[in-house]
Amino acid sequence: MRILHYLAWFSFVGVFLFDVWQYIDIHVLQHIHADLFGLSLASREKGLALLDDWSRVTTRTGASVLDAARLNTRWDYLFIFGYVCVLVILSYSRMQREPRPWLNTLLRLNFLLAFLAGLLDAIENAILLTDMAPCNIGNTFFPSRPFSLAKFILGAWAVLVLLFSVTTSRLATGAPISPPEDLSARD
């Protein structure tokens, strides 16, 4: 079971760092304005325009911004696995310490919410990859906005329940909310 924890955290953090690196590379270093994360919330018209622009703009590697978006979307499947597992792991861990039954039930509900958010995210990615197919550029765009909004709402709810449980537990016991002091500083 411990290997699943490591795998979940590794995929969550690893893909997050890849996304940050890709953002810095495209936006900061190459000064290319490409809203890779805004495509999932784009309307049909805006989505068609974005994909058309991305297919014409090349990066320093010679690939188009559209290729970078496809790569990002494919890596997102690993991120989905990571964040769903991390939400379940953290909710389960918190559930073992939560004495209030109503909040414990909400933490149990986080299992379902995390799974549904991941499923909606996978559907969103499948739609985006279909929209980014070379034969569809400039012709069709199916907005993934309903799936994206639902995913964000479910994920945000799960994170808020987790944060509420941790915060109220710490306030009730008088424990500090800040992280513990660095033990290496004592040497």
C-alpha atoms as a PDB file:
ATOM      1  CA  MET A   1       0.000   0.000   0.000  1.00  0.00           C
ATOM      2  CA  ARG A   2       2.923   2.300   0.724  1.00  0.00           C
ATOM      3  CA  ILE A   3       4.094   2.024  -2.905  1.00  0.00           C
ATOM      4  CA  LEU A   4       0.700   3.370  -4.052  1.00  0.00           C
ATOM      5  CA  HIS A   5       1.182   6.393  -1.785  1.00  0.00           C
ATOM      6  CA  TYR A   6       4.600   7.083  -3.264  1.00  0.00           C
ATOM      7  CA  LEU A   7       3.349   6.550  -6.811  1.00  0.00           C
ATOM      8  CA  ALA A   8       0.371   8.882  -6.235  1.00  0.00           C
ATOM      9  CA  TRP A   9       2.511  11.660  -4.750  1.00  0.00           C
ATOM     10  CA  PHE A  10       5.186  11.204  -7.420  1.00  0.00           C
ATOM     11  CA  SER A  11       2.685  11.483 -10.275  1.00  0.00           C
ATOM     12  CA  PHE A  12       0.896  14.413  -8.617  1.00  0.00           C
ATOM     13  CA  VAL A  13       4.057  16.417  -7.929  1.00  0.00           C
ATOM     14  CA  GLY A  14       5.916  15.283 -11.049  1.00  0.00           C
ATOM     15  CA  VAL A  15       3.241  16.310 -13.519  1.00  0.00           C
ATOM     16  CA  PHE A  16       2.623  19.527 -11.608  1.00  0.00           C
ATOM     17  CA  LEU A  17       6.308  20.389 -11.977  1.00  0.00           C
ATOM     18  CA  PHE A  18       6.160  19.484 -15.680  1.00  0.00           C
ATOM     19  CA  ASP A  19       3.213  21.861 -16.120  1.00  0.00           C
ATOM     20  CA  VAL A  20       5.083  24.633 -14.317  1.00  0.00           C
ATOM     21  CA  TRP A  21       8.182  24.033 -16.459  1.00  0.00           C
ATOM     22  CA  GLN A  22       6.083  24.073 -19.652  1.00  0.00           C
ATOM     23  CA  TYR A  23       4.396  27.313 -18.582  1.00  0.00           C
ATOM     24  CA  ILE A  24       7.740  28.976 -17.831  1.00  0.00           C
ATOM     25  CA  ASP A  25       9.232  27.715 -21.091  1.00  0.00           C
ATOM     26  CA  ILE A  26       6.363  28.883 -23.313  1.00  0.00           C
ATOM     27  CA  HIS A  27       5.201  32.050 -21.540  1.00  0.00           C
ATOM     28  CA  VAL A  28       8.269  33.436 -19.807  1.00  0.00           C
ATOM     29  CA  LEU A  29      11.232  32.285 -21.864  1.00  0.00           C
ATOM     30  CA  GLN A  30       9.675  32.291 -25.332  1.00  0.00           C
ATOM     31  CA  HIS A  31       7.082  35.056 -24.748  1.00  0.00           C
ATOM     32  CA  ILE A  32       4.325  33.070 -26.464  1.00  0.00           C
ATOM     33  CA  HIS A  33       0.843  33.845 -25.200  1.00  0.00           C
ATOM     34  CA  ALA A  34      -0.895  30.484 -25.110  1.00  0.00           C
ATOM     35  CA  ASP A  35      -3.547  29.877 -22.473  1.00  0.00           C
ATOM     36  CA  LEU A  36      -3.134  26.099 -22.277  1.00  0.00           C
ATOM     37  CA  PHE A  37      -5.349  25.833 -19.215  1.00  0.00           C
ATOM     38  CA  GLY A  38      -8.050  28.185 -20.522  1.00  0.00           C
ATOM     39  CA  LEU A  39      -8.927  25.935 -23.449  1.00  0.00           C
ATOM     40  CA  SER A  40     -10.948  23.647 -21.210  1.00  0.00           C
ATOM     41  CA  LEU A  41     -13.259  26.547 -20.296  1.00  0.00           C
ATOM     42  CA  ALA A  42     -13.359  28.125 -23.766  1.00  0.00           C
ATOM     43  CA  SER A  43     -16.534  28.631 -25.762  1.00  0.00           C
ATOM     44  CA  ARG A  44     -16.832  27.087 -29.215  1.00  0.00           C
ATOM     45  CA  GLU A  45     -15.725  30.266 -31.001  1.00  0.00           C
ATOM     46  CA  LYS A  46     -12.828  30.996 -28.673  1.00  0.00           C
ATOM     47  CA  GLY A  47     -11.711  27.351 -28.765  1.00  0.00           C
ATOM     48  CA  LEU A  48     -11.641  27.306 -32.569  1.00  0.00           C
ATOM     49  CA  ALA A  49      -9.628  30.541 -32.611  1.00  0.00           C
ATOM     50  CA  LEU A  50      -7.162  29.330 -29.953  1.00  0.00           C
ATOM     51  CA  LEU A  51      -6.485  26.029 -31.702  1.00  0.00           C
ATOM     52  CA  ASP A  52      -6.086  27.746 -35.051  1.00  0.00           C
ATOM     53  CA  ASP A  53      -3.563  30.202 -33.557  1.00  0.00           C
ATOM     54  CA  TRP A  54      -1.687  27.468 -31.723  1.00  0.00           C
ATOM     55  CA  SER A  55      -1.323  25.402 -34.878  1.00  0.00           C
ATOM     56  CA  ARG A  56       0.504  28.317 -36.564  1.00  0.00           C
ATOM     57  CA  VAL A  57       2.822  29.385 -33.722  1.00  0.00           C
ATOM     58  CA  THR A  58       6.021  27.390 -33.342  1.00  0.00           C
ATOM     59  CA  THR A  59       8.203  27.040 -30.282  1.00  0.00           C
ATOM     60  CA  ARG A  60      11.991  27.129 -30.221  1.00  0.00           C
ATOM     61  CA  THR A  61      12.054  23.339 -30.676  1.00  0.00           C
ATOM     62  CA  GLY A  62      10.208  23.665 -33.981  1.00  0.00           C
ATOM     63  CA  ALA A  63       7.015  22.089 -32.660  1.00  0.00           C
ATOM     64  CA  SER A  64       3.783  24.044 -32.612  1.00  0.00           C
ATOM     65  CA  VAL A  65       2.128  25.308 -29.452  1.00  0.00           C
ATOM     66  CA  LEU A  66      -0.651  22.889 -30.337  1.00  0.00           C
ATOM     67  CA  ASP A  67       1.847  20.021 -30.010  1.00  0.00           C
ATOM     68  CA  ALA A  68       2.776  21.322 -26.550  1.00  0.00           C
ATOM     69  CA  ALA A  69      -0.915  21.446 -25.621  1.00  0.00           C
ATOM     70  CA  ARG A  70      -1.398  17.860 -26.799  1.00  0.00           C
ATOM     71  CA  LEU A  71       1.600  16.736 -24.746  1.00  0.00           C
ATOM     72  CA  ASN A  72       0.307  18.594 -21.693  1.00  0.00           C
ATOM     73  CA  THR A  73      -3.124  17.000 -22.078  1.00  0.00           C
ATOM     74  CA  ARG A  74      -1.658  13.505 -22.371  1.00  0.00           C
ATOM     75  CA  TRP A  75       0.449  14.010 -19.245  1.00  0.00           C
ATOM     76  CA  ASP A  76      -2.683  15.225 -17.463  1.00  0.00           C
ATOM     77  CA  TYR A  77      -3.950  11.633 -17.307  1.00  0.00           C
ATOM     78  CA  LEU A  78      -1.083  10.822 -14.941  1.00  0.00           C
ATOM     79  CA  PHE A  79      -1.885  13.970 -12.952  1.00  0.00           C
ATOM     80  CA  ILE A  80      -5.509  12.823 -12.664  1.00  0.00           C
ATOM     81  CA  PHE A  81      -4.361   9.524 -11.170  1.00  0.00           C
ATOM     82  CA  GLY A  82      -2.122  11.442  -8.781  1.00  0.00           C
ATOM     83  CA  TYR A  83      -4.619  13.978  -7.484  1.00  0.00           C
ATOM     84  CA  VAL A  84      -7.443  11.453  -7.127  1.00  0.00           C
ATOM     85  CA  CYS A  85      -5.199   9.142  -5.094  1.00  0.00           C
ATOM     86  CA  VAL A  86      -3.775  12.001  -3.028  1.00  0.00           C
ATOM     87  CA  LEU A  87      -7.277  13.283  -2.182  1.00  0.00           C
ATOM     88  CA  VAL A  88      -8.370   9.788  -1.161  1.00  0.00           C
ATOM     89  CA  ILE A  89      -5.194   9.205   0.887  1.00  0.00           C
ATOM     90  CA  LEU A  90      -5.475  12.542   2.699  1.00  0.00           C
ATOM     91  CA  SER A  91      -9.219  12.135   3.286  1.00  0.00           C
ATOM     92  CA  TYR A  92      -8.729   8.615   4.662  1.00  0.00           C
ATOM     93  CA  SER A  93      -5.912   9.764   6.910  1.00  0.00           C
ATOM     94  CA  ARG A  94      -7.970  12.672   8.208  1.00  0.00           C
ATOM     95  CA  MET A  95     -11.048  10.456   8.587  1.00  0.00           C
ATOM     96  CA  GLN A  96      -9.135   8.238  11.060  1.00  0.00           C
ATOM     97  CA  ARG A  97      -8.603  11.255  13.325  1.00  0.00           C
ATOM     98  CA  GLU A  98     -11.926  13.074  12.894  1.00  0.00           C
ATOM     99  CA  PRO A  99     -14.173  12.602  15.964  1.00  0.00           C
ATOM    100  CA  ARG A 100     -17.233  14.462  14.618  1.00  0.00           C
ATOM    101  CA  PRO A 101     -19.550  12.031  12.777  1.00  0.00           C
ATOM    102  CA  TRP A 102     -20.953  14.575  10.326  1.00  0.00           C
ATOM    103  CA  LEU A 103     -17.482  15.697   9.248  1.00  0.00           C
ATOM    104  CA  ASN A 104     -16.293  12.097   9.113  1.00  0.00           C
ATOM    105  CA  THR A 105     -19.156  11.390   6.708  1.00  0.00           C
ATOM    106  CA  LEU A 106     -18.131  14.340   4.541  1.00  0.00           C
ATOM    107  CA  LEU A 107     -14.575  13.006   4.483  1.00  0.00           C
ATOM    108  CA  ARG A 108     -15.937   9.639   3.338  1.00  0.00           C
ATOM    109  CA  LEU A 109     -17.866  11.472   0.622  1.00  0.00           C
ATOM    110  CA  ASN A 110     -14.529  12.889  -0.557  1.00  0.00           C
ATOM    111  CA  PHE A 111     -13.670   9.424  -1.911  1.00  0.00           C
ATOM    112  CA  LEU A 112     -16.595   9.625  -4.317  1.00  0.00           C
ATOM    113  CA  LEU A 113     -16.020  13.297  -5.118  1.00  0.00           C
ATOM    114  CA  ALA A 114     -12.355  12.692  -5.941  1.00  0.00           C
ATOM    115  CA  PHE A 115     -13.228   9.753  -8.190  1.00  0.00           C
ATOM    116  CA  LEU A 116     -15.977  11.741  -9.980  1.00  0.00           C
ATOM    117  CA  ALA A 117     -13.668  14.756 -10.422  1.00  0.00           C
ATOM    118  CA  GLY A 118     -11.043  12.456 -11.937  1.00  0.00           C
ATOM    119  CA  LEU A 119     -13.601  10.843 -14.236  1.00  0.00           C
ATOM    120  CA  LEU A 120     -14.838  14.250 -15.407  1.00  0.00           C
ATOM    121  CA  ASP A 121     -11.228  15.347 -15.944  1.00  0.00           C
ATOM    122  CA  ALA A 122     -10.545  12.251 -18.071  1.00  0.00           C
ATOM    123  CA  ILE A 123     -13.656  12.978 -20.159  1.00  0.00           C
ATOM    124  CA  GLU A 124     -12.521  16.587 -20.537  1.00  0.00           C
ATOM    125  CA  ASN A 125      -9.088  15.422 -21.723  1.00  0.00           C
ATOM    126  CA  ALA A 126     -10.615  13.030 -24.254  1.00  0.00           C
ATOM    127  CA  ILE A 127     -12.731  15.878 -25.654  1.00  0.00           C
ATOM    128  CA  LEU A 128      -9.730  18.222 -25.795  1.00  0.00           C
ATOM    129  CA  LEU A 129      -7.543  15.654 -27.548  1.00  0.00           C
ATOM    130  CA  THR A 130     -10.308  15.080 -30.094  1.00  0.00           C
ATOM    131  CA  ASP A 131     -10.601  18.844 -30.606  1.00  0.00           C
ATOM    132  CA  MET A 132      -6.813  19.092 -31.046  1.00  0.00           C
ATOM    133  CA  ALA A 133      -6.656  16.356 -33.687  1.00  0.00           C
ATOM    134  CA  PRO A 134      -5.092  17.742 -36.901  1.00  0.00           C
ATOM    135  CA  CYS A 135      -8.214  16.966 -38.951  1.00  0.00           C
ATOM    136  CA  ASN A 136     -10.401  19.023 -36.570  1.00  0.00           C
ATOM    137  CA  ILE A 137      -8.325  22.213 -36.374  1.00  0.00           C
ATOM    138  CA  GLY A 138     -10.407  25.065 -37.727  1.00  0.00           C
ATOM    139  CA  ASN A 139     -13.389  22.784 -38.394  1.00  0.00           C
ATOM    140  CA  THR A 140     -14.911  21.538 -35.175  1.00  0.00           C
ATOM    141  CA  PHE A 141     -14.629  22.270 -31.491  1.00  0.00           C
ATOM    142  CA  PHE A 142     -16.736  20.621 -28.824  1.00  0.00           C
ATOM    143  CA  PRO A 143     -16.507  22.721 -25.635  1.00  0.00           C
ATOM    144  CA  SER A 144     -15.523  20.740 -22.549  1.00  0.00           C
ATOM    145  CA  ARG A 145     -16.657  23.548 -20.232  1.00  0.00           C
ATOM    146  CA  PRO A 146     -19.487  21.629 -18.463  1.00  0.00           C
ATOM    147  CA  PHE A 147     -17.112  18.803 -17.555  1.00  0.00           C
ATOM    148  CA  SER A 148     -14.392  21.243 -16.481  1.00  0.00           C
ATOM    149  CA  LEU A 149     -16.698  23.286 -14.268  1.00  0.00           C
ATOM    150  CA  ALA A 150     -18.137  20.186 -12.614  1.00  0.00           C
ATOM    151  CA  LYS A 151     -14.619  18.828 -12.059  1.00  0.00           C
ATOM    152  CA  PHE A 152     -13.446  22.063 -10.448  1.00  0.00           C
ATOM    153  CA  ILE A 153     -16.540  22.273  -8.214  1.00  0.00           C
ATOM    154  CA  LEU A 154     -16.227  18.674  -6.991  1.00  0.00           C
ATOM    155  CA  GLY A 155     -12.476  18.957  -6.470  1.00  0.00           C
ATOM    156  CA  ALA A 156     -12.774  22.277  -4.667  1.00  0.00           C
ATOM    157  CA  TRP A 157     -15.499  20.887  -2.401  1.00  0.00           C
ATOM    158  CA  ALA A 158     -13.306  17.901  -1.467  1.00  0.00           C
ATOM    159  CA  VAL A 159     -10.311  20.137  -0.716  1.00  0.00           C
ATOM    160  CA  LEU A 160     -12.453  22.540   1.338  1.00  0.00           C
ATOM    161  CA  VAL A 161     -13.870  19.681   3.436  1.00  0.00           C
ATOM    162  CA  LEU A 162     -10.325  18.459   4.066  1.00  0.00           C
ATOM    163  CA  LEU A 163      -9.078  21.927   5.023  1.00  0.00           C
ATOM    164  CA  PHE A 164     -12.123  22.568   7.216  1.00  0.00           C
ATOM    165  CA  SER A 165     -11.553  19.307   9.079  1.00  0.00           C
ATOM    166  CA  VAL A 166      -7.868  20.018   9.686  1.00  0.00           C
ATOM    167  CA  THR A 167      -8.396  23.664  10.654  1.00  0.00           C
ATOM    168  CA  THR A 168     -11.320  23.137  13.030  1.00  0.00           C
ATOM    169  CA  SER A 169      -9.589  20.170  14.641  1.00  0.00           C
ATOM    170  CA  ARG A 170      -6.480  22.243  15.303  1.00  0.00           C
ATOM    171  CA  LEU A 171      -8.519  25.151  16.630  1.00  0.00           C
ATOM    172  CA  ALA A 172     -10.532  22.866  18.927  1.00  0.00           C
ATOM    173  CA  THR A 173      -7.414  21.256  20.403  1.00  0.00           C
ATOM    174  CA  GLY A 174      -5.449  24.499  20.567  1.00  0.00           C
ATOM    175  CA  ALA A 175      -2.726  23.059  18.352  1.00  0.00           C
ATOM    176  CA  PRO A 176      -0.947  25.493  16.051  1.00  0.00           C
ATOM    177  CA  ILE A 177      -2.117  25.594  12.440  1.00  0.00           C
ATOM    178  CA  SER A 178       1.344  26.528  11.240  1.00  0.00           C
ATOM    179  CA  PRO A 179       3.788  23.749  10.392  1.00  0.00           C
ATOM    180  CA  PRO A 180       5.983  22.470  13.205  1.00  0.00           C
ATOM    181  CA  GLU A 181       9.388  24.021  13.765  1.00  0.00           C
ATOM    182  CA  ASP A 182      12.374  22.742  11.874  1.00  0.00           C
ATOM    183  CA  LEU A 183      14.051  20.114  14.060  1.00  0.00           C
ATOM    184  CA  SER A 184      17.353  20.443  12.236  1.00  0.00           C
ATOM    185  CA  ALA A 185      17.681  23.996  13.590  1.00  0.00           C
ATOM    186  CA  ARG A 186      18.191  22.594  17.104  1.00  0.00           C
ATOM    187  CA  ASP A 187      21.615  21.135  16.302  1.00  0.00           C
END
